[in-house]
Amino acid sequence: QVQLVESGGGLVQPGGSLRLSCAASGRTFKSYAMGWFRQAPGKEREFVASIDMYGSSTYYTDSVQGRFTISRDNAKNTAYLQMNTLKPEDTAVYFCATARNYYYTAANKYDYWGQGTQVTVSS
């Protein structure tokens, strides 16, 4: 089993930046694509970004394109989400998760999930 732990969330003003981290356990981190999802109260879990197992290919949802950057450091068993120019509508609990392929955007295609970290964008 893979265990994932997100960190780096917090309160930030509109236009600000945060970097989320996702620390993974186990020897098989390099074998998985990684994705970031978010969920606001009363809304469905939404795909944000994903990256293949090598860090060679990435994919983003339209609403974060150009503002967010997903990356990974396989030597550290860690994935990241750099979030810039944050907007109030980015407020949500952010989750990282593993998948067989980076081009999956549906939550049910992801196998292992972290506990989530809260991101609040407010003035």
Protein backbone atom coordinates (compact mmCIF):
# COMPACT_ATOMS: atom_id res chain seq x y z
CA GLN A 1 0.00 0.00 0.00
CA VAL A 2 1.05 3.59 -0.66
CA GLN A 3 0.60 6.29 1.94
CA LEU A 4 0.47 9.95 0.92
CA VAL A 5 0.68 13.00 3.15
CA GLU A 6 -0.04 16.51 1.86
CA SER A 7 1.34 19.64 3.45
CA GLY A 8 1.82 23.32 2.69
CA GLY A 9 -1.74 24.56 2.76
CA GLY A 10 -2.84 27.66 4.58
CA LEU A 11 -4.40 31.09 4.31
CA VAL A 12 -3.20 33.38 1.54
CA GLN A 13 -4.45 36.64 0.02
CA PRO A 14 -5.71 36.81 -3.56
CA GLY A 15 -2.75 37.03 -5.92
CA GLY A 16 -0.50 35.18 -3.51
CA SER A 17 1.32 31.88 -3.85
CA LEU A 18 1.60 28.56 -2.06
CA ARG A 19 3.52 25.37 -2.71
CA LEU A 20 1.89 22.11 -1.70
CA SER A 21 3.91 18.98 -1.06
CA CYS A 22 2.85 15.35 -1.22
CA ALA A 23 5.19 12.94 0.54
CA ALA A 24 4.80 9.29 -0.44
CA SER A 25 5.86 6.14 1.34
CA GLY A 26 7.15 2.95 -0.21
CA ARG A 27 9.48 1.86 -2.96
CA THR A 28 6.91 2.11 -5.75
CA PHE A 29 6.47 5.90 -5.94
CA LYS A 30 8.40 5.97 -9.21
CA SER A 31 5.88 3.56 -10.76
CA TYR A 32 2.88 5.89 -10.38
CA ALA A 33 1.55 8.93 -12.09
CA MET A 34 0.52 11.59 -9.58
CA GLY A 35 -2.46 13.87 -9.55
CA TRP A 36 -3.76 16.78 -7.53
CA PHE A 37 -7.47 17.23 -6.87
CA ARG A 38 -9.45 19.74 -4.87
CA GLN A 39 -12.83 19.79 -3.21
CA ALA A 40 -14.76 22.78 -1.95
CA PRO A 41 -17.72 22.44 0.45
CA GLY A 42 -20.82 21.15 -1.33
CA LYS A 43 -18.95 20.47 -4.56
CA GLU A 44 -17.59 17.38 -6.26
CA ARG A 45 -13.93 16.55 -6.15
CA GLU A 46 -12.27 18.33 -9.07
CA PHE A 47 -9.18 17.40 -11.04
CA VAL A 48 -6.45 20.04 -10.90
CA ALA A 49 -3.23 18.68 -12.39
CA SER A 50 -1.30 15.48 -13.06
CA ILE A 51 2.18 14.32 -13.95
CA ASP A 52 3.55 11.09 -15.35
CA MET A 53 5.88 8.80 -13.44
CA TYR A 54 9.01 10.36 -14.94
CA GLY A 55 7.97 13.99 -14.60
CA SER A 56 8.09 14.32 -18.39
CA SER A 57 4.44 15.03 -19.13
CA THR A 58 1.87 17.15 -17.31
CA TYR A 59 -1.78 18.03 -17.66
CA TYR A 60 -3.86 20.82 -16.12
CA THR A 61 -7.48 21.75 -15.84
CA ASP A 62 -8.34 24.96 -17.71
CA SER A 63 -9.01 27.02 -14.61
CA VAL A 64 -5.43 26.66 -13.31
CA GLN A 65 -3.54 26.57 -16.61
CA GLY A 66 -0.72 29.10 -16.53
CA ARG A 67 -0.99 29.65 -12.77
CA PHE A 68 -0.22 26.24 -11.26
CA THR A 69 2.75 23.95 -11.86
CA ILE A 70 2.90 20.29 -10.91
CA SER A 71 6.28 18.63 -10.43
CA ARG A 72 7.88 15.67 -8.71
CA ASP A 73 11.19 14.64 -7.22
CA ASN A 74 11.38 10.86 -7.33
CA ALA A 75 14.58 10.82 -5.27
CA LYS A 76 12.59 12.40 -2.44
CA ASN A 77 9.36 10.45 -3.07
CA THR A 78 7.56 13.78 -3.25
CA ALA A 79 5.19 15.53 -5.62
CA TYR A 80 4.52 19.27 -5.58
CA LEU A 81 1.93 21.76 -6.68
CA GLN A 82 3.16 25.33 -7.06
CA MET A 83 0.16 27.66 -7.01
CA ASN A 84 0.59 31.26 -8.15
CA THR A 85 -1.83 34.15 -8.65
CA LEU A 86 -4.29 32.47 -6.33
CA LYS A 87 -7.96 33.38 -6.54
CA PRO A 88 -10.77 33.00 -3.99
CA GLU A 89 -12.29 30.28 -6.17
CA ASP A 90 -9.15 28.20 -5.58
CA THR A 91 -10.24 27.76 -1.97
CA ALA A 92 -10.64 24.04 -1.27
CA VAL A 93 -9.13 21.01 0.37
CA TYR A 94 -6.35 19.80 -1.91
CA PHE A 95 -5.57 16.09 -2.25
CA CYS A 96 -2.78 14.22 -3.97
CA ALA A 97 -3.34 10.76 -5.40
CA THR A 98 -1.73 8.02 -7.49
CA ALA A 99 -2.81 6.58 -10.82
CA ARG A 100 -1.58 4.25 -13.54
CA ASN A 101 -1.62 7.02 -16.16
CA TYR A 102 -1.21 10.78 -15.89
CA TYR A 103 -3.94 11.56 -18.42
CA TYR A 104 -6.70 10.35 -16.11
CA THR A 105 -8.84 13.20 -14.80
CA ALA A 106 -11.60 11.24 -13.05
CA ALA A 107 -11.17 10.73 -9.32
CA ASN A 108 -12.24 7.10 -9.54
CA LYS A 109 -9.19 6.35 -11.70
CA TYR A 110 -6.88 7.21 -8.82
CA ASP A 111 -6.00 4.50 -6.33
CA TYR A 112 -4.31 5.97 -3.27
CA TRP A 113 -5.13 9.29 -1.65
CA GLY A 114 -3.70 11.58 0.96
CA GLN A 115 -5.71 13.15 3.75
CA GLY A 116 -5.86 16.58 2.14
CA THR A 117 -4.60 20.03 3.06
CA GLN A 118 -6.73 23.16 3.31
CA VAL A 119 -6.04 26.11 1.02
CA THR A 120 -7.97 29.29 1.74
CA VAL A 121 -7.64 32.34 -0.51
CA SER A 122 -9.21 35.36 1.13
CA SER A 123 -8.54 39.00 1.88
